[in-house]
Amino acid sequence: MTSFPSDLISNEQSSSPASGPLSLQATTQSPSKILVVEPHPTLRTVLVQRLRQDGHLAAAVGSAEEAVDLCREQSPDLLVSAELVDKNSALRLAQQLGCSVIVLTARTGVEPLVALLDEGADDVLRKPFGLEELAARCRTLLKRGRIGLQERVAVGPLEVHLLLRQVTLREKPVELSPREFALLCALLMPPGMVRSRHELLRMAWPPFSGGPRSVDTQVLTLRRKLEQAGLGEGGGITTVRQQGYRFSLDTLPTHL
């Protein structure tokens, strides 16, 4: 199990869409998109992993600049951010991204927390904190915003069961590794959007692990498995030259 720095987190243990045939269907609503902005690499890795356990599409970056760059095409539903990142405040960043925010602060006393809430924070969590507390606060805020978690995302005949971490094609299971599953979820955030290798690394890999070649390798294996399952040539994943990858149903066989 990952060990947590005692000064950052408590010792609690945690258990633009394309046109055409591409569509996103769900049993309830789209999965919630949460962006974690935290300069400490270990902490942000632990946070995003815990949030993914609840079925959220979670990504993590270490700076405000990276956050703005990642969200150029689409804003997250919720921002979980350190109070100050690169001389930019979490509140200002939330305004830029147009989303709710949970501010993570190391300041003590009641006054700083009250001030952050008065200035517009949707919630404030003081370090060290428990992972389950953060997860519960995220669920509460997302419910207030009427952003429900879903158990299933369907793109054509392909179904991704987020909470069960399972993928099926016409009700037949598609066996994927944890990394391949995370990569597929990243490509579906949202479907049809081109994601660069750098973006996919940040969304589906822990910080400081992997590289562009790792993305290419995992895309190749994911394609093969989706092809073998019957999703058509390329498994629905197309390469956009000098840009990255996108999930598309353009090559989907008509008989599926």
C-alpha atoms as a PDB file:
ATOM      1  CA  MET A   1       0.000   0.000   0.000  1.00  0.00           C
ATOM      2  CA  THR A   2       1.169   3.530  -0.747  1.00  0.00           C
ATOM      3  CA  SER A   3       2.547   5.376   2.255  1.00  0.00           C
ATOM      4  CA  PHE A   4       1.374   8.912   2.847  1.00  0.00           C
ATOM      5  CA  PRO A   5       3.561  11.803   4.051  1.00  0.00           C
ATOM      6  CA  SER A   6       2.403  12.521   7.601  1.00  0.00           C
ATOM      7  CA  ASP A   7       2.485  16.278   7.095  1.00  0.00           C
ATOM      8  CA  LEU A   8       0.181  16.114   4.068  1.00  0.00           C
ATOM      9  CA  ILE A   9      -2.449  13.500   4.726  1.00  0.00           C
ATOM     10  CA  SER A  10      -3.712  11.501   7.661  1.00  0.00           C
ATOM     11  CA  ASN A  11      -2.806   7.846   8.022  1.00  0.00           C
ATOM     12  CA  GLU A  12      -6.303   6.728   7.049  1.00  0.00           C
ATOM     13  CA  GLN A  13      -6.400   3.867   4.581  1.00  0.00           C
ATOM     14  CA  SER A  14      -8.819   3.903   1.683  1.00  0.00           C
ATOM     15  CA  SER A  15     -10.211   1.152   0.344  1.00  0.00           C
ATOM     16  CA  SER A  16     -15.892  18.092 -27.915  1.00  0.00           C
ATOM     17  CA  PRO A  17     -17.861  15.386 -29.221  1.00  0.00           C
ATOM     18  CA  ALA A  18     -17.719  14.376 -32.851  1.00  0.00           C
ATOM     19  CA  SER A  19     -20.754  14.398 -35.077  1.00  0.00           C
ATOM     20  CA  GLY A  20     -22.127  11.391 -36.893  1.00  0.00           C
ATOM     21  CA  PRO A  21     -22.800   7.999 -35.302  1.00  0.00           C
ATOM     22  CA  LEU A  22     -20.838   8.773 -32.153  1.00  0.00           C
ATOM     23  CA  SER A  23     -23.048   9.261 -29.110  1.00  0.00           C
ATOM     24  CA  LEU A  24     -22.760   8.961 -25.358  1.00  0.00           C
ATOM     25  CA  GLN A  25     -25.582   7.113 -23.648  1.00  0.00           C
ATOM     26  CA  ALA A  26     -25.871   6.370 -19.971  1.00  0.00           C
ATOM     27  CA  THR A  27     -28.269   4.856 -17.505  1.00  0.00           C
ATOM     28  CA  THR A  28     -28.287   8.113 -15.514  1.00  0.00           C
ATOM     29  CA  GLN A  29     -25.886  10.990 -16.190  1.00  0.00           C
ATOM     30  CA  SER A  30     -22.366  11.293 -17.514  1.00  0.00           C
ATOM     31  CA  PRO A  31     -19.585  10.383 -15.062  1.00  0.00           C
ATOM     32  CA  SER A  32     -18.356  13.296 -13.008  1.00  0.00           C
ATOM     33  CA  LYS A  33     -15.092  14.862 -14.138  1.00  0.00           C
ATOM     34  CA  ILE A  34     -12.817  15.880 -11.264  1.00  0.00           C
ATOM     35  CA  LEU A  35      -9.504  17.669 -11.669  1.00  0.00           C
ATOM     36  CA  VAL A  36      -6.967  17.504  -8.836  1.00  0.00           C
ATOM     37  CA  VAL A  37      -4.370  20.288  -8.726  1.00  0.00           C
ATOM     38  CA  GLU A  38      -1.706  19.567  -6.135  1.00  0.00           C
ATOM     39  CA  PRO A  39       2.050  20.244  -6.367  1.00  0.00           C
ATOM     40  CA  HIS A  40       2.996  17.279  -4.186  1.00  0.00           C
ATOM     41  CA  PRO A  41       3.236  14.266  -6.559  1.00  0.00           C
ATOM     42  CA  THR A  42       2.518  11.551  -3.967  1.00  0.00           C
ATOM     43  CA  LEU A  43      -0.544  13.280  -2.605  1.00  0.00           C
ATOM     44  CA  ARG A  44      -2.105  14.010  -5.979  1.00  0.00           C
ATOM     45  CA  THR A  45      -1.532  10.404  -7.074  1.00  0.00           C
ATOM     46  CA  VAL A  46      -3.296   9.056  -3.977  1.00  0.00           C
ATOM     47  CA  LEU A  47      -6.182  11.507  -4.339  1.00  0.00           C
ATOM     48  CA  VAL A  48      -6.907  10.759  -7.984  1.00  0.00           C
ATOM     49  CA  GLN A  49      -6.706   7.001  -7.398  1.00  0.00           C
ATOM     50  CA  ARG A  50      -9.242   7.246  -4.562  1.00  0.00           C
ATOM     51  CA  LEU A  51     -11.628   9.376  -6.628  1.00  0.00           C
ATOM     52  CA  ARG A  52     -11.467   6.908  -9.515  1.00  0.00           C
ATOM     53  CA  GLN A  53     -12.619   4.185  -7.125  1.00  0.00           C
ATOM     54  CA  ASP A  54     -15.957   6.028  -6.919  1.00  0.00           C
ATOM     55  CA  GLY A  55     -16.346   5.934 -10.701  1.00  0.00           C
ATOM     56  CA  HIS A  56     -15.272   9.511 -11.344  1.00  0.00           C
ATOM     57  CA  LEU A  57     -13.221  10.434 -14.382  1.00  0.00           C
ATOM     58  CA  ALA A  58     -10.364  11.987 -12.427  1.00  0.00           C
ATOM     59  CA  ALA A  59      -7.162  13.597 -13.662  1.00  0.00           C
ATOM     60  CA  ALA A  60      -4.309  15.199 -11.725  1.00  0.00           C
ATOM     61  CA  VAL A  61      -1.814  17.946 -12.523  1.00  0.00           C
ATOM     62  CA  GLY A  62       0.787  19.798 -10.501  1.00  0.00           C
ATOM     63  CA  SER A  63       0.307  23.386 -11.630  1.00  0.00           C
ATOM     64  CA  ALA A  64      -2.375  25.921 -12.529  1.00  0.00           C
ATOM     65  CA  GLU A  65      -0.897  26.275 -16.002  1.00  0.00           C
ATOM     66  CA  GLU A  66      -1.265  22.538 -16.626  1.00  0.00           C
ATOM     67  CA  ALA A  67      -4.833  22.678 -15.332  1.00  0.00           C
ATOM     68  CA  VAL A  68      -5.829  25.452 -17.727  1.00  0.00           C
ATOM     69  CA  ASP A  69      -4.109  23.681 -20.611  1.00  0.00           C
ATOM     70  CA  LEU A  70      -5.844  20.368 -19.862  1.00  0.00           C
ATOM     71  CA  CYS A  71      -9.275  21.999 -19.666  1.00  0.00           C
ATOM     72  CA  ARG A  72      -9.167  24.133 -22.811  1.00  0.00           C
ATOM     73  CA  GLU A  73     -11.832  22.018 -24.508  1.00  0.00           C
ATOM     74  CA  GLN A  74     -14.025  21.144 -21.534  1.00  0.00           C
ATOM     75  CA  SER A  75     -14.310  22.239 -17.915  1.00  0.00           C
ATOM     76  CA  PRO A  76     -14.316  19.723 -15.045  1.00  0.00           C
ATOM     77  CA  ASP A  77     -17.375  19.310 -12.860  1.00  0.00           C
ATOM     78  CA  LEU A  78     -15.304  19.757  -9.726  1.00  0.00           C
ATOM     79  CA  LEU A  79     -11.854  21.089  -8.898  1.00  0.00           C
ATOM     80  CA  VAL A  80      -9.920  19.789  -5.884  1.00  0.00           C
ATOM     81  CA  SER A  81      -6.990  22.155  -5.491  1.00  0.00           C
ATOM     82  CA  ALA A  82      -4.292  23.238  -3.116  1.00  0.00           C
ATOM     83  CA  GLU A  83      -4.986  26.723  -1.819  1.00  0.00           C
ATOM     84  CA  LEU A  84      -2.044  28.266  -3.652  1.00  0.00           C
ATOM     85  CA  VAL A  85      -0.518  26.840  -6.834  1.00  0.00           C
ATOM     86  CA  ASP A  86       2.148  28.748  -8.769  1.00  0.00           C
ATOM     87  CA  LYS A  87       1.132  32.046  -7.128  1.00  0.00           C
ATOM     88  CA  ASN A  88      -2.405  31.393  -8.356  1.00  0.00           C
ATOM     89  CA  SER A  89      -5.202  30.793  -5.874  1.00  0.00           C
ATOM     90  CA  ALA A  90      -7.555  27.829  -6.058  1.00  0.00           C
ATOM     91  CA  LEU A  91     -10.495  30.236  -6.125  1.00  0.00           C
ATOM     92  CA  ARG A  92      -9.111  32.130  -9.110  1.00  0.00           C
ATOM     93  CA  LEU A  93      -8.383  28.870 -10.914  1.00  0.00           C
ATOM     94  CA  ALA A  94     -11.952  27.654 -10.298  1.00  0.00           C
ATOM     95  CA  GLN A  95     -13.245  30.886 -11.813  1.00  0.00           C
ATOM     96  CA  GLN A  96     -11.052  30.360 -14.869  1.00  0.00           C
ATOM     97  CA  LEU A  97     -12.288  26.795 -15.300  1.00  0.00           C
ATOM     98  CA  GLY A  98     -15.899  27.622 -14.454  1.00  0.00           C
ATOM     99  CA  CYS A  99     -16.465  24.888 -11.863  1.00  0.00           C
ATOM    100  CA  SER A 100     -17.004  24.233  -8.169  1.00  0.00           C
ATOM    101  CA  VAL A 101     -13.938  23.895  -5.955  1.00  0.00           C
ATOM    102  CA  ILE A 102     -12.802  22.146  -2.801  1.00  0.00           C
ATOM    103  CA  VAL A 103      -9.810  24.024  -1.422  1.00  0.00           C
ATOM    104  CA  LEU A 104      -7.078  22.067   0.359  1.00  0.00           C
ATOM    105  CA  THR A 105      -5.343  24.257   2.914  1.00  0.00           C
ATOM    106  CA  ALA A 106      -2.545  23.820   5.438  1.00  0.00           C
ATOM    107  CA  ARG A 107      -3.535  26.919   7.424  1.00  0.00           C
ATOM    108  CA  THR A 108      -4.732  26.469  10.989  1.00  0.00           C
ATOM    109  CA  GLY A 109      -7.470  28.240  12.863  1.00  0.00           C
ATOM    110  CA  VAL A 110     -11.084  29.010  12.016  1.00  0.00           C
ATOM    111  CA  GLU A 111     -10.552  32.425  10.430  1.00  0.00           C
ATOM    112  CA  PRO A 112      -8.753  31.230   7.260  1.00  0.00           C
ATOM    113  CA  LEU A 113     -11.439  28.615   6.601  1.00  0.00           C
ATOM    114  CA  VAL A 114     -14.224  31.152   7.062  1.00  0.00           C
ATOM    115  CA  ALA A 115     -12.429  33.598   4.787  1.00  0.00           C
ATOM    116  CA  LEU A 116     -12.076  31.009   2.004  1.00  0.00           C
ATOM    117  CA  LEU A 117     -15.763  30.110   2.242  1.00  0.00           C
ATOM    118  CA  ASP A 118     -16.773  33.781   2.231  1.00  0.00           C
ATOM    119  CA  GLU A 119     -14.582  34.362  -0.827  1.00  0.00           C
ATOM    120  CA  GLY A 120     -16.398  31.689  -2.803  1.00  0.00           C
ATOM    121  CA  ALA A 121     -14.970  28.265  -1.980  1.00  0.00           C
ATOM    122  CA  ASP A 122     -17.633  25.560  -2.159  1.00  0.00           C
ATOM    123  CA  ASP A 123     -15.837  23.584   0.538  1.00  0.00           C
ATOM    124  CA  VAL A 124     -12.545  23.702   2.443  1.00  0.00           C
ATOM    125  CA  LEU A 125     -10.544  20.744   3.709  1.00  0.00           C
ATOM    126  CA  ARG A 126      -7.605  21.184   6.065  1.00  0.00           C
ATOM    127  CA  LYS A 127      -4.447  19.081   5.727  1.00  0.00           C
ATOM    128  CA  PRO A 128      -3.936  16.451   7.016  1.00  0.00           C
ATOM    129  CA  PHE A 129      -7.243  14.900   6.017  1.00  0.00           C
ATOM    130  CA  GLY A 130      -8.702  11.453   5.383  1.00  0.00           C
ATOM    131  CA  LEU A 131      -9.300  10.076   1.919  1.00  0.00           C
ATOM    132  CA  GLU A 132     -12.817   8.941   2.805  1.00  0.00           C
ATOM    133  CA  GLU A 133     -13.673  12.423   4.064  1.00  0.00           C
ATOM    134  CA  LEU A 134     -12.526  13.944   0.787  1.00  0.00           C
ATOM    135  CA  ALA A 135     -14.472  11.360  -1.213  1.00  0.00           C
ATOM    136  CA  ALA A 136     -17.628  12.067   0.802  1.00  0.00           C
ATOM    137  CA  ARG A 137     -17.278  15.832   0.352  1.00  0.00           C
ATOM    138  CA  CYS A 138     -16.864  15.349  -3.390  1.00  0.00           C
ATOM    139  CA  ARG A 139     -19.996  13.217  -3.559  1.00  0.00           C
ATOM    140  CA  THR A 140     -21.958  15.838  -1.640  1.00  0.00           C
ATOM    141  CA  LEU A 141     -20.898  18.704  -3.889  1.00  0.00           C
ATOM    142  CA  LEU A 142     -21.568  16.738  -7.044  1.00  0.00           C
ATOM    143  CA  LYS A 143     -25.053  15.825  -5.821  1.00  0.00           C
ATOM    144  CA  ARG A 144     -25.767  19.472  -5.089  1.00  0.00           C
ATOM    145  CA  GLY A 145     -24.835  20.250  -8.650  1.00  0.00           C
ATOM    146  CA  ARG A 146     -27.120  17.434  -9.836  1.00  0.00           C
ATOM    147  CA  ILE A 147     -24.146  15.622 -11.309  1.00  0.00           C
ATOM    148  CA  GLY A 148     -24.869  11.979 -10.638  1.00  0.00           C
ATOM    149  CA  LEU A 149     -22.481   9.087 -10.743  1.00  0.00           C
ATOM    150  CA  GLN A 150     -23.336   6.453 -13.269  1.00  0.00           C
ATOM    151  CA  GLU A 151     -22.580   2.799 -13.371  1.00  0.00           C
ATOM    152  CA  ARG A 152     -22.451   2.459 -17.137  1.00  0.00           C
ATOM    153  CA  VAL A 153     -21.293   4.474 -20.138  1.00  0.00           C
ATOM    154  CA  ALA A 154     -22.405   3.165 -23.524  1.00  0.00           C
ATOM    155  CA  VAL A 155     -20.794   4.248 -26.778  1.00  0.00           C
ATOM    156  CA  GLY A 156     -22.511   2.272 -29.498  1.00  0.00           C
ATOM    157  CA  PRO A 157     -22.275  -1.426 -28.591  1.00  0.00           C
ATOM    158  CA  LEU A 158     -19.376  -0.811 -26.196  1.00  0.00           C
ATOM    159  CA  GLU A 159     -20.273  -0.505 -22.517  1.00  0.00           C
ATOM    160  CA  VAL A 160     -17.886   0.663 -19.811  1.00  0.00           C
ATOM    161  CA  HIS A 161     -18.986  -0.238 -16.279  1.00  0.00           C
ATOM    162  CA  LEU A 162     -17.158   2.383 -14.229  1.00  0.00           C
ATOM    163  CA  LEU A 163     -17.791   1.186 -10.713  1.00  0.00           C
ATOM    164  CA  LEU A 164     -17.175  -2.470 -11.569  1.00  0.00           C
ATOM    165  CA  ARG A 165     -14.236  -1.529 -13.805  1.00  0.00           C
ATOM    166  CA  GLN A 166     -15.503  -3.829 -16.518  1.00  0.00           C
ATOM    167  CA  VAL A 167     -15.906  -3.443 -20.274  1.00  0.00           C
ATOM    168  CA  THR A 168     -18.414  -5.356 -22.364  1.00  0.00           C
ATOM    169  CA  LEU A 169     -19.220  -5.478 -26.083  1.00  0.00           C
ATOM    170  CA  ARG A 170     -22.734  -6.669 -26.834  1.00  0.00           C
ATOM    171  CA  GLU A 171     -22.875  -8.001 -23.255  1.00  0.00           C
ATOM    172  CA  LYS A 172     -19.700 -10.053 -23.725  1.00  0.00           C
ATOM    173  CA  PRO A 173     -16.779  -9.160 -21.405  1.00  0.00           C
ATOM    174  CA  VAL A 174     -13.650  -7.540 -22.795  1.00  0.00           C
ATOM    175  CA  GLU A 175     -10.659  -8.290 -20.592  1.00  0.00           C
ATOM    176  CA  LEU A 176      -8.496  -5.198 -20.044  1.00  0.00           C
ATOM    177  CA  SER A 177      -5.596  -4.496 -17.721  1.00  0.00           C
ATOM    178  CA  PRO A 178      -6.016  -1.669 -15.167  1.00  0.00           C
ATOM    179  CA  ARG A 179      -3.864   0.616 -17.337  1.00  0.00           C
ATOM    180  CA  GLU A 180      -5.840  -0.203 -20.485  1.00  0.00           C
ATOM    181  CA  PHE A 181      -9.088   0.477 -18.632  1.00  0.00           C
ATOM    182  CA  ALA A 182      -7.782   3.850 -17.402  1.00  0.00           C
ATOM    183  CA  LEU A 183      -6.657   4.696 -20.941  1.00  0.00           C
ATOM    184  CA  LEU A 184     -10.068   3.843 -22.385  1.00  0.00           C
ATOM    185  CA  CYS A 185     -11.770   6.019 -19.760  1.00  0.00           C
ATOM    186  CA  ALA A 186      -9.437   8.893 -20.639  1.00  0.00           C
ATOM    187  CA  LEU A 187     -10.347   8.559 -24.318  1.00  0.00           C
ATOM    188  CA  LEU A 188     -14.013   8.685 -23.312  1.00  0.00           C
ATOM    189  CA  MET A 189     -13.584  11.999 -21.443  1.00  0.00           C
ATOM    190  CA  PRO A 190     -15.497  12.830 -23.596  1.00  0.00           C
ATOM    191  CA  PRO A 191     -15.687  10.485 -26.598  1.00  0.00           C
ATOM    192  CA  GLY A 192     -14.699  12.070 -29.890  1.00  0.00           C
ATOM    193  CA  MET A 193     -12.176  14.485 -28.388  1.00  0.00           C
ATOM    194  CA  VAL A 194      -8.570  14.277 -29.547  1.00  0.00           C
ATOM    195  CA  ARG A 195      -6.208  13.630 -26.639  1.00  0.00           C
ATOM    196  CA  SER A 196      -2.475  14.169 -26.954  1.00  0.00           C
ATOM    197  CA  ARG A 197      -0.014  11.643 -25.580  1.00  0.00           C
ATOM    198  CA  HIS A 198       0.906  14.113 -22.851  1.00  0.00           C
ATOM    199  CA  GLU A 199      -2.740  14.488 -21.817  1.00  0.00           C
ATOM    200  CA  LEU A 200      -3.264  10.725 -21.757  1.00  0.00           C
ATOM    201  CA  LEU A 201      -0.169  10.317 -19.595  1.00  0.00           C
ATOM    202  CA  ARG A 202      -1.541  12.777 -17.064  1.00  0.00           C
ATOM    203  CA  MET A 203      -4.996  11.215 -17.071  1.00  0.00           C
ATOM    204  CA  ALA A 204      -4.179   7.489 -17.038  1.00  0.00           C
ATOM    205  CA  TRP A 205      -0.653   7.175 -15.563  1.00  0.00           C
ATOM    206  CA  PRO A 206       0.720   8.056 -12.130  1.00  0.00           C
ATOM    207  CA  PRO A 207       3.025  11.115 -12.103  1.00  0.00           C
ATOM    208  CA  PHE A 208       6.607  10.576 -13.261  1.00  0.00           C
ATOM    209  CA  SER A 209       5.839   7.180 -14.788  1.00  0.00           C
ATOM    210  CA  GLY A 210       5.707   6.226 -18.431  1.00  0.00           C
ATOM    211  CA  GLY A 211       6.264   8.402 -21.459  1.00  0.00           C
ATOM    212  CA  PRO A 212       4.988   8.906 -25.023  1.00  0.00           C
ATOM    213  CA  ARG A 213       6.205   5.426 -25.996  1.00  0.00           C
ATOM    214  CA  SER A 214       4.263   3.961 -23.079  1.00  0.00           C
ATOM    215  CA  VAL A 215       1.096   5.586 -24.399  1.00  0.00           C
ATOM    216  CA  ASP A 216       1.703   4.238 -27.906  1.00  0.00           C
ATOM    217  CA  THR A 217       2.298   0.743 -26.529  1.00  0.00           C
ATOM    218  CA  GLN A 218      -0.845   0.735 -24.404  1.00  0.00           C
ATOM    219  CA  VAL A 219      -2.935   2.175 -27.251  1.00  0.00           C
ATOM    220  CA  LEU A 220      -1.672  -0.648 -29.455  1.00  0.00           C
ATOM    221  CA  THR A 221      -2.648  -3.354 -26.953  1.00  0.00           C
ATOM    222  CA  LEU A 222      -6.005  -1.686 -26.261  1.00  0.00           C
ATOM    223  CA  ARG A 223      -6.732  -1.523 -29.976  1.00  0.00           C
ATOM    224  CA  ARG A 224      -5.903  -5.198 -30.414  1.00  0.00           C
ATOM    225  CA  LYS A 225      -8.176  -6.276 -27.590  1.00  0.00           C
ATOM    226  CA  LEU A 226     -11.081  -4.140 -28.834  1.00  0.00           C
ATOM    227  CA  GLU A 227     -10.532  -5.419 -32.368  1.00  0.00           C
ATOM    228  CA  GLN A 228     -10.496  -9.032 -31.176  1.00  0.00           C
ATOM    229  CA  ALA A 229     -13.705  -8.348 -29.263  1.00  0.00           C
ATOM    230  CA  GLY A 230     -15.318  -7.276 -32.555  1.00  0.00           C
ATOM    231  CA  LEU A 231     -15.261  -3.484 -32.392  1.00  0.00           C
ATOM    232  CA  GLY A 232     -13.855  -3.105 -35.903  1.00  0.00           C
ATOM    233  CA  GLU A 233     -10.509  -2.060 -37.325  1.00  0.00           C
ATOM    234  CA  GLY A 234      -8.481  -0.109 -34.791  1.00  0.00           C
ATOM    235  CA  GLY A 235     -10.953  -0.900 -32.021  1.00  0.00           C
ATOM    236  CA  GLY A 236     -12.574   2.493 -32.468  1.00  0.00           C
ATOM    237  CA  ILE A 237      -9.324   4.319 -31.637  1.00  0.00           C
ATOM    238  CA  THR A 238      -8.010   6.517 -34.426  1.00  0.00           C
ATOM    239  CA  THR A 239      -4.672   8.297 -34.669  1.00  0.00           C
ATOM    240  CA  VAL A 240      -4.808  12.020 -35.410  1.00  0.00           C
ATOM    241  CA  ARG A 241      -1.518  12.954 -37.006  1.00  0.00           C
ATOM    242  CA  GLN A 242       0.711  15.214 -34.891  1.00  0.00           C
ATOM    243  CA  GLN A 243      -2.086  15.529 -32.311  1.00  0.00           C
ATOM    244  CA  GLY A 244      -2.778  12.244 -30.581  1.00  0.00           C
ATOM    245  CA  TYR A 245      -5.646   9.782 -30.360  1.00  0.00           C
ATOM    246  CA  ARG A 246      -9.429   9.876 -30.309  1.00  0.00           C
ATOM    247  CA  PHE A 247     -12.172   7.312 -29.782  1.00  0.00           C
ATOM    248  CA  SER A 248     -14.445   7.209 -32.821  1.00  0.00           C
ATOM    249  CA  LEU A 249     -17.092   4.875 -34.178  1.00  0.00           C
ATOM    250  CA  ASP A 250     -16.470   5.922 -37.793  1.00  0.00           C
ATOM    251  CA  THR A 251     -14.937   2.533 -38.622  1.00  0.00           C
ATOM    252  CA  LEU A 252     -17.484   0.515 -36.679  1.00  0.00           C
ATOM    253  CA  PRO A 253     -18.945  -2.364 -38.721  1.00  0.00           C
ATOM    254  CA  THR A 254     -22.577  -1.675 -39.578  1.00  0.00           C
ATOM    255  CA  HIS A 255     -23.682  -5.159 -38.500  1.00  0.00           C
ATOM    256  CA  LEU A 256     -22.747  -4.514 -34.859  1.00  0.00           C
END
